[in-house]
Amino acid sequence: MADYFPAQNPQDESLAPKRFDPRSAAPFINKSISEETRRAYRRAVSDFFQFVGGKHPTEVVPADVIRWRDHLRAGRKRAATVSFKLSVIRSFFEYLKAAGIVPLNPASTKLVPPPELPTEPSGRALTAKEVRYLLSGPDREKAEGARDYALMLVMLRLSLRVAEVCALRASSVKWSHGRWTLRCKIKGGREEVWPLPKDVKQAIDDYTRLDAKRRATLHSDGEEAYLFQPHTNYRTLEFNKGLSPRMVQKIIKKWAGFGGIGDVSPHDLRRTAITRALDSGLSYRQVQMMSKHKDPKTVMRYDHGRENLDQNAVNFLVYDDEGSSDSKLG
């Protein structure tokens, strides 16, 4: 990183002010496991520094970030889009700050408040009936159908993001502490662990058993092989790789159409798992352990029932030791 941010001697007037070098962002961007996320990060960083005229990061001030935020909002960008782009720049400067390149994060939320987000996330959470219709489509007696079923079940039960499920390897499934678990890197690059329910483990086993011959023939087997692989790839004829997010999107769209439940995105399956868990009465902490959100406030956005007046705690407060009916409001 020092090559991109060489030390400057302020007394040496022959040195012109340094400009932003896009290569300096590569280590930060490449921390993500998802190519799609890396593209989004690269685009956000590029857009920001282009907007500020290629300023060197050490020259960027909060006013620059505020002007960029307001420019995006004036361009009718959605609040969620602006917040995401700001979070990328904020994370990049935090990365530079940790490396000792900049003394202050000019994109800190204390200095640059992001736009207020809607109280509820966009998209949909499927009903229990819709989930059954979605999962009933694939032919689980065939390898490709067993794959699609196991793929969707993993997302619906463990709330994995699409990039996370695409990155799973055979070795991600491990026996640990007396039970089957699933390990993978999540958004942000850290590794997390989920308990693997018996029905999900069985679905994975059924798929890999039916797909074993194909994998062996194509040399796409082994512990480090991707768990969910493409079965048709006429463009490159390459099979020893994981499904792409676009492929997963097509699979889910296919079976949602087959089940007659309309348009469904991969993130809708994650949203369904989180919403279902909250509606079942699980605490934010329990749901956060599943969703792996860093901020519990994000989990709250999925709690569509929090405005239900019938379930408000006011209805259940009792101060009479005898618990008389007159003291119960609900």
C-alpha atoms as a PDB file:
ATOM      1  CA  MET A   1       0.000   0.000   0.000  1.00  0.00           C
ATOM      2  CA  ALA A   2       2.958   2.305   0.592  1.00  0.00           C
ATOM      3  CA  ASP A   3       3.638   2.222  -3.161  1.00  0.00           C
ATOM      4  CA  TYR A   4       0.264   3.868  -3.778  1.00  0.00           C
ATOM      5  CA  PHE A   5       0.520   6.332  -0.884  1.00  0.00           C
ATOM      6  CA  PRO A   6       4.184   7.405  -0.754  1.00  0.00           C
ATOM      7  CA  ALA A   7       5.211   9.718   2.045  1.00  0.00           C
ATOM      8  CA  GLN A   8       5.568  13.312   0.964  1.00  0.00           C
ATOM      9  CA  ASN A   9       7.911  15.966   2.252  1.00  0.00           C
ATOM     10  CA  PRO A  10       5.833  19.161   2.600  1.00  0.00           C
ATOM     11  CA  GLN A  11       9.025  21.255   2.265  1.00  0.00           C
ATOM     12  CA  ASP A  12       9.790  19.802  -1.152  1.00  0.00           C
ATOM     13  CA  GLU A  13       7.862  22.053  -3.534  1.00  0.00           C
ATOM     14  CA  SER A  14       8.915  19.932  -6.496  1.00  0.00           C
ATOM     15  CA  LEU A  15       6.433  17.292  -5.430  1.00  0.00           C
ATOM     16  CA  ALA A  16       2.996  17.988  -6.846  1.00  0.00           C
ATOM     17  CA  PRO A  17      -0.034  16.890  -4.803  1.00  0.00           C
ATOM     18  CA  LYS A  18      -0.676  13.196  -5.294  1.00  0.00           C
ATOM     19  CA  ARG A  19      -3.877  12.031  -6.946  1.00  0.00           C
ATOM     20  CA  PHE A  20      -6.024   9.028  -6.171  1.00  0.00           C
ATOM     21  CA  ASP A  21      -4.666   5.798  -7.644  1.00  0.00           C
ATOM     22  CA  PRO A  22      -7.501   3.281  -8.291  1.00  0.00           C
ATOM     23  CA  ARG A  23      -5.064   0.451  -7.593  1.00  0.00           C
ATOM     24  CA  SER A  24      -4.941   1.543  -3.959  1.00  0.00           C
ATOM     25  CA  ALA A  25      -8.520   0.365  -3.495  1.00  0.00           C
ATOM     26  CA  ALA A  26      -7.875  -3.143  -4.834  1.00  0.00           C
ATOM     27  CA  PRO A  27      -6.945  -4.801  -1.494  1.00  0.00           C
ATOM     28  CA  PHE A  28     -10.034  -3.282   0.114  1.00  0.00           C
ATOM     29  CA  ILE A  29     -12.348  -4.310  -2.740  1.00  0.00           C
ATOM     30  CA  ASN A  30     -10.959  -7.829  -3.050  1.00  0.00           C
ATOM     31  CA  LYS A  31     -11.817  -8.662   0.554  1.00  0.00           C
ATOM     32  CA  SER A  32     -15.346  -9.460  -0.589  1.00  0.00           C
ATOM     33  CA  ILE A  33     -16.137 -13.055  -1.546  1.00  0.00           C
ATOM     34  CA  SER A  34     -18.669 -11.974  -4.151  1.00  0.00           C
ATOM     35  CA  GLU A  35     -17.637 -10.777  -7.607  1.00  0.00           C
ATOM     36  CA  GLU A  36     -20.917  -8.899  -7.817  1.00  0.00           C
ATOM     37  CA  THR A  37     -20.136  -7.087  -4.568  1.00  0.00           C
ATOM     38  CA  ARG A  38     -16.589  -6.351  -5.721  1.00  0.00           C
ATOM     39  CA  ARG A  39     -17.982  -4.735  -8.865  1.00  0.00           C
ATOM     40  CA  ALA A  40     -20.376  -2.614  -6.802  1.00  0.00           C
ATOM     41  CA  TYR A  41     -17.579  -1.529  -4.442  1.00  0.00           C
ATOM     42  CA  ARG A  42     -15.246  -0.746  -7.342  1.00  0.00           C
ATOM     43  CA  ARG A  43     -17.949   1.324  -9.032  1.00  0.00           C
ATOM     44  CA  ALA A  44     -18.769   3.283  -5.845  1.00  0.00           C
ATOM     45  CA  VAL A  45     -15.125   4.094  -5.135  1.00  0.00           C
ATOM     46  CA  SER A  46     -14.506   5.072  -8.764  1.00  0.00           C
ATOM     47  CA  ASP A  47     -17.625   7.271  -8.882  1.00  0.00           C
ATOM     48  CA  PHE A  48     -16.730   9.082  -5.683  1.00  0.00           C
ATOM     49  CA  PHE A  49     -13.155   9.921  -6.599  1.00  0.00           C
ATOM     50  CA  GLN A  50     -14.212  10.948 -10.076  1.00  0.00           C
ATOM     51  CA  PHE A  51     -16.768  13.301  -8.501  1.00  0.00           C
ATOM     52  CA  VAL A  52     -14.108  14.915  -6.265  1.00  0.00           C
ATOM     53  CA  GLY A  53     -11.776  15.385  -9.208  1.00  0.00           C
ATOM     54  CA  GLY A  54      -9.366  12.592  -8.371  1.00  0.00           C
ATOM     55  CA  LYS A  55      -8.331  14.065  -5.038  1.00  0.00           C
ATOM     56  CA  HIS A  56      -5.826  12.088  -3.024  1.00  0.00           C
ATOM     57  CA  PRO A  57      -7.601  10.396  -0.057  1.00  0.00           C
ATOM     58  CA  THR A  58      -5.581  12.502   2.379  1.00  0.00           C
ATOM     59  CA  GLU A  59      -7.099  15.623   0.799  1.00  0.00           C
ATOM     60  CA  VAL A  60     -10.729  14.507   1.033  1.00  0.00           C
ATOM     61  CA  VAL A  61     -12.818  16.325   3.659  1.00  0.00           C
ATOM     62  CA  PRO A  62     -16.357  15.714   4.976  1.00  0.00           C
ATOM     63  CA  ALA A  63     -17.709  18.525   2.778  1.00  0.00           C
ATOM     64  CA  ASP A  64     -16.665  16.510  -0.300  1.00  0.00           C
ATOM     65  CA  VAL A  65     -18.628  13.499   0.880  1.00  0.00           C
ATOM     66  CA  ILE A  66     -21.654  15.636   1.735  1.00  0.00           C
ATOM     67  CA  ARG A  67     -21.612  17.203  -1.739  1.00  0.00           C
ATOM     68  CA  TRP A  68     -21.467  13.721  -3.293  1.00  0.00           C
ATOM     69  CA  ARG A  69     -24.342  12.495  -1.108  1.00  0.00           C
ATOM     70  CA  ASP A  70     -26.468  15.480  -2.104  1.00  0.00           C
ATOM     71  CA  HIS A  71     -25.485  15.034  -5.759  1.00  0.00           C
ATOM     72  CA  LEU A  72     -26.735  11.444  -5.674  1.00  0.00           C
ATOM     73  CA  ARG A  73     -29.981  12.448  -4.012  1.00  0.00           C
ATOM     74  CA  ALA A  74     -30.480  15.242  -6.565  1.00  0.00           C
ATOM     75  CA  GLY A  75     -30.066  12.593  -9.256  1.00  0.00           C
ATOM     76  CA  ARG A  76     -33.084  10.795  -7.771  1.00  0.00           C
ATOM     77  CA  LYS A  77     -31.077   7.864  -6.462  1.00  0.00           C
ATOM     78  CA  ARG A  78     -32.996   5.785  -3.942  1.00  0.00           C
ATOM     79  CA  ALA A  79     -32.153   6.331  -0.282  1.00  0.00           C
ATOM     80  CA  ALA A  80     -30.985   2.713  -0.014  1.00  0.00           C
ATOM     81  CA  THR A  81     -28.655   3.172  -3.000  1.00  0.00           C
ATOM     82  CA  VAL A  82     -27.151   6.358  -1.566  1.00  0.00           C
ATOM     83  CA  SER A  83     -26.726   4.728   1.849  1.00  0.00           C
ATOM     84  CA  PHE A  84     -24.972   1.751   0.271  1.00  0.00           C
ATOM     85  CA  LYS A  85     -22.572   3.947  -1.716  1.00  0.00           C
ATOM     86  CA  LEU A  86     -21.814   6.021   1.370  1.00  0.00           C
ATOM     87  CA  SER A  87     -21.166   2.876   3.374  1.00  0.00           C
ATOM     88  CA  VAL A  88     -18.628   1.730   0.768  1.00  0.00           C
ATOM     89  CA  ILE A  89     -16.746   5.033   0.920  1.00  0.00           C
ATOM     90  CA  ARG A  90     -16.984   5.052   4.710  1.00  0.00           C
ATOM     91  CA  SER A  91     -15.551   1.518   4.863  1.00  0.00           C
ATOM     92  CA  PHE A  92     -12.780   2.403   2.413  1.00  0.00           C
ATOM     93  CA  PHE A  93     -11.648   5.373   4.497  1.00  0.00           C
ATOM     94  CA  GLU A  94     -11.876   3.259   7.647  1.00  0.00           C
ATOM     95  CA  TYR A  95      -9.569   0.795   5.901  1.00  0.00           C
ATOM     96  CA  LEU A  96      -7.144   3.626   5.049  1.00  0.00           C
ATOM     97  CA  LYS A  97      -7.359   4.949   8.590  1.00  0.00           C
ATOM     98  CA  ALA A  98      -6.455   1.532  10.014  1.00  0.00           C
ATOM     99  CA  ALA A  99      -3.450   1.463   7.678  1.00  0.00           C
ATOM    100  CA  GLY A 100      -2.339   4.886   8.916  1.00  0.00           C
ATOM    101  CA  ILE A 101      -2.912   6.565   5.551  1.00  0.00           C
ATOM    102  CA  VAL A 102      -5.540   9.050   6.757  1.00  0.00           C
ATOM    103  CA  PRO A 103      -5.991  10.387  10.313  1.00  0.00           C
ATOM    104  CA  LEU A 104      -9.753  10.881  10.038  1.00  0.00           C
ATOM    105  CA  ASN A 105     -12.623   9.157   8.266  1.00  0.00           C
ATOM    106  CA  PRO A 106     -14.311  11.995   6.339  1.00  0.00           C
ATOM    107  CA  ALA A 107     -17.302   9.756   5.554  1.00  0.00           C
ATOM    108  CA  SER A 108     -18.070   8.880   9.180  1.00  0.00           C
ATOM    109  CA  THR A 109     -21.790   8.867   9.933  1.00  0.00           C
ATOM    110  CA  LYS A 110     -21.118  11.447  12.654  1.00  0.00           C
ATOM    111  CA  LEU A 111     -19.825  13.803   9.960  1.00  0.00           C
ATOM    112  CA  VAL A 112     -21.950  12.722   7.001  1.00  0.00           C
ATOM    113  CA  PRO A 113     -25.396  11.428   8.019  1.00  0.00           C
ATOM    114  CA  PRO A 114     -26.819   8.992   5.448  1.00  0.00           C
ATOM    115  CA  PRO A 115     -30.352   9.536   4.131  1.00  0.00           C
ATOM    116  CA  GLU A 116     -33.117   8.066   6.248  1.00  0.00           C
ATOM    117  CA  LEU A 117     -34.094   4.620   5.034  1.00  0.00           C
ATOM    118  CA  PRO A 118     -37.661   3.306   4.769  1.00  0.00           C
ATOM    119  CA  THR A 119     -38.791   1.575   7.943  1.00  0.00           C
ATOM    120  CA  GLU A 120     -39.453  -1.624   5.989  1.00  0.00           C
ATOM    121  CA  PRO A 121     -37.113  -3.309   3.490  1.00  0.00           C
ATOM    122  CA  SER A 122     -38.188  -3.584  -0.138  1.00  0.00           C
ATOM    123  CA  GLY A 123     -39.073  -6.960  -1.601  1.00  0.00           C
ATOM    124  CA  ARG A 124     -41.338  -9.637  -0.224  1.00  0.00           C
ATOM    125  CA  ALA A 125     -41.398 -12.358   2.379  1.00  0.00           C
ATOM    126  CA  LEU A 126     -43.114 -15.540   1.238  1.00  0.00           C
ATOM    127  CA  THR A 127     -45.955 -17.104   3.178  1.00  0.00           C
ATOM    128  CA  ALA A 128     -45.636 -20.675   4.432  1.00  0.00           C
ATOM    129  CA  LYS A 129     -47.917 -21.828   1.591  1.00  0.00           C
ATOM    130  CA  GLU A 130     -45.793 -20.020  -0.996  1.00  0.00           C
ATOM    131  CA  VAL A 131     -42.651 -21.659   0.401  1.00  0.00           C
ATOM    132  CA  ARG A 132     -44.289 -25.076   0.040  1.00  0.00           C
ATOM    133  CA  TYR A 133     -45.258 -24.288  -3.561  1.00  0.00           C
ATOM    134  CA  LEU A 134     -41.717 -23.118  -4.326  1.00  0.00           C
ATOM    135  CA  LEU A 135     -40.063 -26.219  -2.867  1.00  0.00           C
ATOM    136  CA  SER A 136     -42.532 -28.659  -4.424  1.00  0.00           C
ATOM    137  CA  GLY A 137     -41.409 -27.827  -7.971  1.00  0.00           C
ATOM    138  CA  PRO A 138     -37.997 -29.505  -8.410  1.00  0.00           C
ATOM    139  CA  ASP A 139     -37.856 -33.243  -9.195  1.00  0.00           C
ATOM    140  CA  ARG A 140     -35.787 -34.427  -6.261  1.00  0.00           C
ATOM    141  CA  GLU A 141     -35.188 -37.829  -7.880  1.00  0.00           C
ATOM    142  CA  LYS A 142     -32.879 -36.179 -10.418  1.00  0.00           C
ATOM    143  CA  ALA A 143     -29.575 -34.485  -9.656  1.00  0.00           C
ATOM    144  CA  GLU A 144     -30.519 -31.075 -11.037  1.00  0.00           C
ATOM    145  CA  GLY A 145     -33.854 -31.029  -9.213  1.00  0.00           C
ATOM    146  CA  ALA A 146     -32.208 -32.203  -5.985  1.00  0.00           C
ATOM    147  CA  ARG A 147     -29.696 -29.384  -6.375  1.00  0.00           C
ATOM    148  CA  ASP A 148     -32.376 -26.743  -6.828  1.00  0.00           C
ATOM    149  CA  TYR A 149     -34.341 -28.039  -3.846  1.00  0.00           C
ATOM    150  CA  ALA A 150     -31.277 -28.157  -1.553  1.00  0.00           C
ATOM    151  CA  LEU A 151     -30.135 -24.728  -2.747  1.00  0.00           C
ATOM    152  CA  MET A 152     -33.457 -23.065  -1.969  1.00  0.00           C
ATOM    153  CA  LEU A 153     -33.847 -24.921   1.318  1.00  0.00           C
ATOM    154  CA  VAL A 154     -30.418 -23.728   2.508  1.00  0.00           C
ATOM    155  CA  MET A 155     -31.400 -20.123   1.757  1.00  0.00           C
ATOM    156  CA  LEU A 156     -34.833 -20.478   3.340  1.00  0.00           C
ATOM    157  CA  ARG A 157     -33.613 -22.184   6.521  1.00  0.00           C
ATOM    158  CA  LEU A 158     -30.235 -20.501   7.117  1.00  0.00           C
ATOM    159  CA  SER A 159     -31.000 -17.088   5.536  1.00  0.00           C
ATOM    160  CA  LEU A 160     -27.813 -17.090   3.462  1.00  0.00           C
ATOM    161  CA  ARG A 161     -27.176 -14.307   0.971  1.00  0.00           C
ATOM    162  CA  VAL A 162     -26.918 -15.353  -2.662  1.00  0.00           C
ATOM    163  CA  ALA A 163     -23.144 -14.718  -2.791  1.00  0.00           C
ATOM    164  CA  GLU A 164     -22.677 -16.864   0.319  1.00  0.00           C
ATOM    165  CA  VAL A 165     -24.600 -19.835  -1.014  1.00  0.00           C
ATOM    166  CA  CYS A 166     -22.712 -19.595  -4.324  1.00  0.00           C
ATOM    167  CA  ALA A 167     -19.387 -19.723  -2.467  1.00  0.00           C
ATOM    168  CA  LEU A 168     -20.162 -22.872  -0.454  1.00  0.00           C
ATOM    169  CA  ARG A 169     -17.776 -25.796  -0.862  1.00  0.00           C
ATOM    170  CA  ALA A 170     -18.226 -29.455   0.001  1.00  0.00           C
ATOM    171  CA  SER A 171     -15.901 -28.813   2.955  1.00  0.00           C
ATOM    172  CA  SER A 172     -18.257 -26.117   4.246  1.00  0.00           C
ATOM    173  CA  VAL A 173     -20.351 -28.901   5.803  1.00  0.00           C
ATOM    174  CA  LYS A 174     -18.537 -30.094   8.929  1.00  0.00           C
ATOM    175  CA  TRP A 175     -19.228 -32.220  12.001  1.00  0.00           C
ATOM    176  CA  SER A 176     -18.470 -30.071  15.021  1.00  0.00           C
ATOM    177  CA  HIS A 177     -19.428 -30.150  18.713  1.00  0.00           C
ATOM    178  CA  GLY A 178     -21.661 -33.168  18.254  1.00  0.00           C
ATOM    179  CA  ARG A 179     -23.686 -31.828  15.327  1.00  0.00           C
ATOM    180  CA  TRP A 180     -23.505 -30.955  11.651  1.00  0.00           C
ATOM    181  CA  THR A 181     -22.625 -27.369  10.907  1.00  0.00           C
ATOM    182  CA  LEU A 182     -22.164 -25.153   7.888  1.00  0.00           C
ATOM    183  CA  ARG A 183     -19.265 -22.718   7.678  1.00  0.00           C
ATOM    184  CA  CYS A 184     -18.692 -19.981   5.148  1.00  0.00           C
ATOM    185  CA  LYS A 185     -17.397 -16.476   4.726  1.00  0.00           C
ATOM    186  CA  ILE A 186     -20.061 -13.818   4.815  1.00  0.00           C
ATOM    187  CA  LYS A 187     -20.334 -10.190   3.804  1.00  0.00           C
ATOM    188  CA  GLY A 188     -17.303  -8.412   5.221  1.00  0.00           C
ATOM    189  CA  GLY A 189     -15.011 -11.431   4.829  1.00  0.00           C
ATOM    190  CA  ARG A 190     -15.379 -13.047   8.259  1.00  0.00           C
ATOM    191  CA  GLU A 191     -16.207 -16.743   8.626  1.00  0.00           C
ATOM    192  CA  GLU A 192     -19.420 -17.680  10.398  1.00  0.00           C
ATOM    193  CA  VAL A 193     -20.997 -20.953  11.502  1.00  0.00           C
ATOM    194  CA  TRP A 194     -24.609 -22.135  11.346  1.00  0.00           C
ATOM    195  CA  PRO A 195     -26.111 -25.271  12.880  1.00  0.00           C
ATOM    196  CA  LEU A 196     -27.275 -27.453   9.997  1.00  0.00           C
ATOM    197  CA  PRO A 197     -30.835 -28.780  10.488  1.00  0.00           C
ATOM    198  CA  LYS A 198     -31.329 -32.472   9.740  1.00  0.00           C
ATOM    199  CA  ASP A 199     -33.662 -31.887   6.797  1.00  0.00           C
ATOM    200  CA  VAL A 200     -31.209 -29.448   5.195  1.00  0.00           C
ATOM    201  CA  LYS A 201     -28.295 -31.867   5.680  1.00  0.00           C
ATOM    202  CA  GLN A 202     -30.411 -34.655   4.172  1.00  0.00           C
ATOM    203  CA  ALA A 203     -31.263 -32.508   1.144  1.00  0.00           C
ATOM    204  CA  ILE A 204     -27.568 -31.745   0.579  1.00  0.00           C
ATOM    205  CA  ASP A 205     -26.654 -35.429   0.951  1.00  0.00           C
ATOM    206  CA  ASP A 206     -29.373 -36.487  -1.508  1.00  0.00           C
ATOM    207  CA  TYR A 207     -28.123 -33.977  -4.062  1.00  0.00           C
ATOM    208  CA  THR A 208     -24.429 -34.869  -3.782  1.00  0.00           C
ATOM    209  CA  ARG A 209     -25.274 -38.600  -3.959  1.00  0.00           C
ATOM    210  CA  LEU A 210     -27.303 -38.163  -7.153  1.00  0.00           C
ATOM    211  CA  ASP A 211     -24.633 -35.872  -8.611  1.00  0.00           C
ATOM    212  CA  ALA A 212     -21.605 -37.977  -7.634  1.00  0.00           C
ATOM    213  CA  LYS A 213     -21.151 -39.710 -11.008  1.00  0.00           C
ATOM    214  CA  ARG A 214     -21.291 -36.458 -12.975  1.00  0.00           C
ATOM    215  CA  ARG A 215     -18.818 -34.793 -10.624  1.00  0.00           C
ATOM    216  CA  ALA A 216     -16.371 -37.688 -10.837  1.00  0.00           C
ATOM    217  CA  THR A 217     -16.565 -37.765 -14.647  1.00  0.00           C
ATOM    218  CA  LEU A 218     -15.972 -34.013 -14.926  1.00  0.00           C
ATOM    219  CA  HIS A 219     -13.368 -33.943 -12.113  1.00  0.00           C
ATOM    220  CA  SER A 220     -15.494 -31.454 -10.199  1.00  0.00           C
ATOM    221  CA  ASP A 221     -15.620 -33.484  -6.986  1.00  0.00           C
ATOM    222  CA  GLY A 222     -13.577 -33.482  -3.798  1.00  0.00           C
ATOM    223  CA  GLU A 223     -13.653 -31.562  -0.522  1.00  0.00           C
ATOM    224  CA  GLU A 224     -12.849 -28.225  -2.108  1.00  0.00           C
ATOM    225  CA  ALA A 225     -15.336 -28.576  -4.954  1.00  0.00           C
ATOM    226  CA  TYR A 226     -18.199 -26.119  -4.998  1.00  0.00           C
ATOM    227  CA  LEU A 227     -21.285 -27.496  -3.311  1.00  0.00           C
ATOM    228  CA  PHE A 228     -23.786 -26.152  -5.847  1.00  0.00           C
ATOM    229  CA  GLN A 229     -22.521 -26.493  -9.417  1.00  0.00           C
ATOM    230  CA  PRO A 230     -23.936 -25.738 -12.888  1.00  0.00           C
ATOM    231  CA  HIS A 231     -25.253 -28.797 -14.712  1.00  0.00           C
ATOM    232  CA  THR A 232     -25.443 -27.059 -18.097  1.00  0.00           C
ATOM    233  CA  ASN A 233     -22.902 -24.543 -19.349  1.00  0.00           C
ATOM    234  CA  TYR A 234     -22.953 -24.396 -23.123  1.00  0.00           C
ATOM    235  CA  ARG A 235     -20.933 -21.188 -23.277  1.00  0.00           C
ATOM    236  CA  THR A 236     -17.673 -22.336 -21.678  1.00  0.00           C
ATOM    237  CA  LEU A 237     -18.348 -26.040 -20.930  1.00  0.00           C
ATOM    238  CA  GLU A 238     -16.781 -25.406 -17.522  1.00  0.00           C
ATOM    239  CA  PHE A 239     -18.423 -27.229 -14.642  1.00  0.00           C
ATOM    240  CA  ASN A 240     -15.806 -27.195 -11.880  1.00  0.00           C
ATOM    241  CA  LYS A 241     -17.130 -23.941 -10.464  1.00  0.00           C
ATOM    242  CA  GLY A 242     -19.965 -22.681  -8.335  1.00  0.00           C
ATOM    243  CA  LEU A 243     -23.280 -21.336  -9.484  1.00  0.00           C
ATOM    244  CA  SER A 244     -23.224 -17.613 -10.199  1.00  0.00           C
ATOM    245  CA  PRO A 245     -25.720 -15.255  -8.540  1.00  0.00           C
ATOM    246  CA  ARG A 246     -27.394 -14.874 -11.933  1.00  0.00           C
ATOM    247  CA  MET A 247     -27.825 -18.646 -12.217  1.00  0.00           C
ATOM    248  CA  VAL A 248     -29.342 -18.805  -8.736  1.00  0.00           C
ATOM    249  CA  GLN A 249     -31.697 -16.003  -9.674  1.00  0.00           C
ATOM    250  CA  LYS A 250     -32.830 -17.942 -12.749  1.00  0.00           C
ATOM    251  CA  ILE A 251     -33.358 -21.119 -10.728  1.00  0.00           C
ATOM    252  CA  ILE A 252     -35.522 -19.369  -8.149  1.00  0.00           C
ATOM    253  CA  LYS A 253     -37.454 -17.479 -10.807  1.00  0.00           C
ATOM    254  CA  LYS A 254     -38.087 -20.751 -12.655  1.00  0.00           C
ATOM    255  CA  TRP A 255     -39.587 -22.544  -9.674  1.00  0.00           C
ATOM    256  CA  ALA A 256     -41.488 -19.486  -8.462  1.00  0.00           C
ATOM    257  CA  GLY A 257     -43.128 -19.336 -11.899  1.00  0.00           C
ATOM    258  CA  PHE A 258     -43.780 -23.076 -11.809  1.00  0.00           C
ATOM    259  CA  GLY A 259     -45.447 -22.726  -8.392  1.00  0.00           C
ATOM    260  CA  GLY A 260     -47.514 -19.753  -9.518  1.00  0.00           C
ATOM    261  CA  ILE A 261     -46.259 -17.442  -6.775  1.00  0.00           C
ATOM    262  CA  GLY A 262     -45.039 -14.587  -8.961  1.00  0.00           C
ATOM    263  CA  ASP A 263     -41.650 -12.922  -9.108  1.00  0.00           C
ATOM    264  CA  VAL A 264     -39.241 -14.045  -6.370  1.00  0.00           C
ATOM    265  CA  SER A 265     -35.626 -12.943  -5.950  1.00  0.00           C
ATOM    266  CA  PRO A 266     -32.810 -14.753  -4.087  1.00  0.00           C
ATOM    267  CA  HIS A 267     -32.874 -12.085  -1.368  1.00  0.00           C
ATOM    268  CA  ASP A 268     -36.598 -12.728  -0.903  1.00  0.00           C
ATOM    269  CA  LEU A 269     -35.656 -16.172   0.441  1.00  0.00           C
ATOM    270  CA  ARG A 270     -33.321 -14.591   3.002  1.00  0.00           C
ATOM    271  CA  ARG A 271     -36.029 -12.054   3.828  1.00  0.00           C
ATOM    272  CA  THR A 272     -38.531 -14.891   4.248  1.00  0.00           C
ATOM    273  CA  ALA A 273     -36.307 -16.731   6.727  1.00  0.00           C
ATOM    274  CA  ILE A 274     -35.692 -13.631   8.847  1.00  0.00           C
ATOM    275  CA  THR A 275     -39.326 -12.500   8.800  1.00  0.00           C
ATOM    276  CA  ARG A 276     -40.581 -16.002   9.598  1.00  0.00           C
ATOM    277  CA  ALA A 277     -38.187 -16.261  12.559  1.00  0.00           C
ATOM    278  CA  LEU A 278     -39.344 -12.913  13.950  1.00  0.00           C
ATOM    279  CA  ASP A 279     -43.007 -13.786  13.451  1.00  0.00           C
ATOM    280  CA  SER A 280     -42.375 -17.001  15.402  1.00  0.00           C
ATOM    281  CA  GLY A 281     -41.508 -14.907  18.448  1.00  0.00           C
ATOM    282  CA  LEU A 282     -37.735 -15.338  18.393  1.00  0.00           C
ATOM    283  CA  SER A 283     -35.702 -12.491  19.860  1.00  0.00           C
ATOM    284  CA  TYR A 284     -33.706 -10.050  17.768  1.00  0.00           C
ATOM    285  CA  ARG A 285     -30.550 -11.610  19.226  1.00  0.00           C
ATOM    286  CA  GLN A 286     -31.574 -15.108  18.121  1.00  0.00           C
ATOM    287  CA  VAL A 287     -32.437 -13.906  14.628  1.00  0.00           C
ATOM    288  CA  GLN A 288     -29.204 -11.944  14.401  1.00  0.00           C
ATOM    289  CA  MET A 289     -27.307 -15.164  15.162  1.00  0.00           C
ATOM    290  CA  MET A 290     -28.951 -16.661  12.079  1.00  0.00           C
ATOM    291  CA  SER A 291     -28.844 -13.678   9.727  1.00  0.00           C
ATOM    292  CA  LYS A 292     -25.313 -12.636  10.797  1.00  0.00           C
ATOM    293  CA  HIS A 293     -26.204  -8.953  10.581  1.00  0.00           C
ATOM    294  CA  LYS A 294     -23.552  -6.843  12.322  1.00  0.00           C
ATOM    295  CA  ASP A 295     -26.123  -4.301  13.455  1.00  0.00           C
ATOM    296  CA  PRO A 296     -29.224  -5.597  15.281  1.00  0.00           C
ATOM    297  CA  LYS A 297     -31.082  -2.515  14.038  1.00  0.00           C
ATOM    298  CA  THR A 298     -31.037  -4.081  10.586  1.00  0.00           C
ATOM    299  CA  VAL A 299     -32.934  -7.087  11.926  1.00  0.00           C
ATOM    300  CA  MET A 300     -35.616  -4.745  13.267  1.00  0.00           C
ATOM    301  CA  ARG A 301     -36.407  -3.585   9.722  1.00  0.00           C
ATOM    302  CA  TYR A 302     -37.678  -7.096   8.960  1.00  0.00           C
ATOM    303  CA  ASP A 303     -40.040  -7.129  11.930  1.00  0.00           C
ATOM    304  CA  HIS A 304     -43.306  -6.330  10.160  1.00  0.00           C
ATOM    305  CA  GLY A 305     -45.279  -7.210  13.293  1.00  0.00           C
ATOM    306  CA  ARG A 306     -43.693  -4.626  15.574  1.00  0.00           C
ATOM    307  CA  GLU A 307     -46.586  -2.226  14.929  1.00  0.00           C
ATOM    308  CA  ASN A 308     -49.191  -4.821  15.919  1.00  0.00           C
ATOM    309  CA  LEU A 309     -51.045  -3.089  18.767  1.00  0.00           C
ATOM    310  CA  ASP A 310     -52.536  -6.363  19.989  1.00  0.00           C
ATOM    311  CA  GLN A 311     -49.033  -7.666  20.725  1.00  0.00           C
ATOM    312  CA  ASN A 312     -47.768  -4.454  22.310  1.00  0.00           C
ATOM    313  CA  ALA A 313     -46.233  -5.011  25.750  1.00  0.00           C
ATOM    314  CA  VAL A 314     -48.729  -2.508  27.169  1.00  0.00           C
ATOM    315  CA  ASN A 315     -51.378  -5.219  26.907  1.00  0.00           C
ATOM    316  CA  PHE A 316     -49.417  -7.636  29.110  1.00  0.00           C
ATOM    317  CA  LEU A 317     -48.158  -5.473  31.974  1.00  0.00           C
ATOM    318  CA  VAL A 318     -49.571  -6.585  35.346  1.00  0.00           C
ATOM    319  CA  TYR A 319     -48.818  -4.978  38.723  1.00  0.00           C
ATOM    320  CA  ASP A 320     -51.328  -6.828  40.883  1.00  0.00           C
ATOM    321  CA  ASP A 321     -49.585  -9.692  42.681  1.00  0.00           C
ATOM    322  CA  GLU A 322     -52.831 -11.614  42.722  1.00  0.00           C
ATOM    323  CA  GLY A 323     -53.172 -11.192  38.966  1.00  0.00           C
ATOM    324  CA  SER A 324     -56.801 -10.088  39.144  1.00  0.00           C
ATOM    325  CA  SER A 325     -58.628  -9.695  35.848  1.00  0.00           C
ATOM    326  CA  ASP A 326     -59.203  -5.992  36.584  1.00  0.00           C
ATOM    327  CA  SER A 327     -55.441  -5.387  36.446  1.00  0.00           C
ATOM    328  CA  LYS A 328     -54.964  -7.077  33.077  1.00  0.00           C
ATOM    329  CA  LEU A 329     -55.313  -4.829  30.117  1.00  0.00           C
ATOM    330  CA  GLY A 330     -55.200  -7.496  27.457  1.00  0.00           C
END
